[in-house]
Amino acid sequence: MAGAFLALVAVMAGAFGAHGLRNLVSERGLEVFQTAVTYQMYHSIALVLLALLAGQGLPRKLLGWSAGFFLAGILLFSGSLYLLVLTDIRWIGPITPIGGVCFMVGWALLITSGLRRNK
C-alpha cells in the first residue's frame, strides 16, 4: 500500500512540476524536481515489488529492511530535492546523498534476500 500511495504522490508531484512550477522556478529547478519525482516513482514501484516477492519465499525480514531503506530514501532523497526546489533552503542539499545511500542499501538488501531465498 505504501508503494502504491507513494507512486500516486509521484504522479501528482510530476504533474505539479510540469504545470505548476514552469513559471516559478528555473529550468535547473525543474530538472531537480523531475529527478526527485523519477527516483520516488522507481522506488515506489520497488516497494510494490517487495510486497510481491514476500510471497515468493524470499526472507521477509530482509525484504522488510529493504522496504524501510527505500522509504527512508524517498523521504530523504526526493523529499530534500522537493524542499530545495520549493523553498530554496540550501542546507537541505547535503541530506540528499544520505537518501541515495538508503536507496543503495535497500537494493543491496534485496539482492541479499534473493541470494538467501528459502528453498
Protein backbone atom coordinates (compact mmCIF):
# COMPACT_ATOMS: atom_id res chain seq x y z
CA MET A 1 0.00 0.00 0.00
CA ALA A 2 2.85 2.40 0.80
CA GLY A 3 4.37 1.83 -2.64
CA ALA A 4 1.08 2.48 -4.43
CA PHE A 5 0.42 5.59 -2.34
CA LEU A 6 3.91 6.98 -2.97
CA ALA A 7 3.56 6.22 -6.69
CA LEU A 8 0.32 8.21 -6.72
CA VAL A 9 2.08 11.09 -4.96
CA ALA A 10 4.90 10.88 -7.53
CA VAL A 11 2.40 11.22 -10.38
CA MET A 12 0.80 14.19 -8.64
CA ALA A 13 4.19 15.78 -7.98
CA GLY A 14 5.20 15.22 -11.59
CA ALA A 15 2.06 16.94 -12.82
CA PHE A 16 2.62 19.81 -10.38
CA GLY A 17 6.22 20.15 -11.54
CA ALA A 18 5.29 20.08 -15.21
CA HIS A 19 2.39 22.50 -14.98
CA GLY A 20 2.52 24.40 -11.69
CA LEU A 21 6.22 25.16 -11.40
CA ARG A 22 7.05 26.03 -15.00
CA ASN A 23 6.93 29.80 -14.48
CA LEU A 24 8.00 29.77 -10.83
CA VAL A 25 11.41 28.09 -10.82
CA SER A 26 14.43 27.95 -13.09
CA GLU A 27 14.99 25.30 -15.72
CA ARG A 28 17.56 23.72 -13.38
CA GLY A 29 14.98 23.72 -10.59
CA LEU A 30 12.55 21.86 -12.86
CA GLU A 31 15.26 19.28 -13.65
CA VAL A 32 15.98 18.76 -9.95
CA PHE A 33 12.26 18.43 -9.22
CA GLN A 34 11.91 15.87 -12.04
CA THR A 35 14.84 13.88 -10.62
CA ALA A 36 13.02 13.74 -7.28
CA VAL A 37 9.83 12.54 -8.98
CA THR A 38 11.69 9.92 -11.02
CA TYR A 39 13.51 8.41 -8.05
CA GLN A 40 10.33 8.46 -5.99
CA MET A 41 8.48 6.56 -8.72
CA TYR A 42 11.22 3.97 -9.21
CA HIS A 43 11.38 3.24 -5.51
CA SER A 44 7.61 3.26 -5.08
CA ILE A 45 7.44 0.54 -7.71
CA ALA A 46 10.26 -1.25 -5.89
CA LEU A 47 8.13 -1.21 -2.72
CA VAL A 48 5.29 -2.89 -4.62
CA LEU A 49 7.80 -5.43 -5.97
CA LEU A 50 8.99 -6.19 -2.43
CA ALA A 51 5.43 -6.95 -1.37
CA LEU A 52 5.09 -9.37 -4.27
CA LEU A 53 8.44 -11.01 -3.53
CA ALA A 54 7.44 -11.59 0.09
CA GLY A 55 5.09 -14.29 -1.18
CA GLN A 56 7.81 -15.94 -3.27
CA GLY A 57 9.93 -17.43 -0.49
CA LEU A 58 12.40 -14.59 0.00
CA PRO A 59 13.34 -13.78 3.60
CA ARG A 60 10.68 -11.38 4.84
CA LYS A 61 12.96 -9.78 7.41
CA LEU A 62 15.45 -8.70 4.73
CA LEU A 63 12.62 -7.55 2.48
CA GLY A 64 11.23 -5.51 5.36
CA TRP A 65 14.60 -3.85 5.94
CA SER A 66 14.88 -3.19 2.21
CA ALA A 67 11.44 -1.55 2.23
CA GLY A 68 12.45 0.60 5.19
CA PHE A 69 15.54 1.81 3.39
CA PHE A 70 13.53 2.54 0.24
CA LEU A 71 11.04 4.55 2.30
CA ALA A 72 13.85 6.45 4.02
CA GLY A 73 15.45 7.07 0.63
CA ILE A 74 12.24 8.50 -0.79
CA LEU A 75 11.84 10.81 2.19
CA LEU A 76 15.47 11.91 2.34
CA PHE A 77 16.42 11.95 -1.34
CA SER A 78 13.23 13.01 -3.08
CA GLY A 79 11.93 14.95 -0.09
CA SER A 80 15.09 17.02 0.21
CA LEU A 81 15.08 17.79 -3.51
CA TYR A 82 11.42 18.84 -3.39
CA LEU A 83 12.17 21.13 -0.44
CA LEU A 84 15.28 22.52 -2.10
CA VAL A 85 13.35 23.50 -5.22
CA LEU A 86 10.25 24.76 -3.45
CA THR A 87 11.91 26.67 -0.60
CA ASP A 88 15.45 27.36 -1.86
CA ILE A 89 16.77 26.39 1.59
CA ARG A 90 20.34 25.39 0.71
CA TRP A 91 21.24 23.49 3.91
CA ILE A 92 18.80 20.77 2.81
CA GLY A 93 21.14 19.80 -0.08
CA PRO A 94 23.56 17.66 1.99
CA ILE A 95 20.65 15.44 3.08
CA THR A 96 20.09 14.23 -0.50
CA PRO A 97 23.14 11.89 -0.66
CA ILE A 98 22.03 10.21 2.58
CA GLY A 99 18.81 9.31 0.79
CA GLY A 100 20.84 7.99 -2.14
CA VAL A 101 22.79 5.76 0.23
CA CYS A 102 19.48 4.50 1.65
CA PHE A 103 18.40 3.53 -1.87
CA MET A 104 21.66 1.64 -2.41
CA VAL A 105 21.34 -0.20 0.91
CA GLY A 106 17.74 -1.11 0.05
CA TRP A 107 18.84 -2.62 -3.27
CA ALA A 108 21.74 -4.46 -1.62
CA LEU A 109 19.32 -5.95 0.91
CA LEU A 110 17.02 -7.05 -1.91
CA ILE A 111 19.95 -8.76 -3.63
CA THR A 112 20.90 -10.42 -0.36
CA SER A 113 17.35 -11.65 0.16
CA GLY A 114 17.42 -13.20 -3.32
CA LEU A 115 20.68 -14.96 -2.52
CA ARG A 116 19.19 -16.29 0.71
CA ARG A 117 15.92 -17.38 -0.84
CA ASN A 118 14.19 -20.13 1.13
CA LYS A 119 14.42 -23.32 -0.89
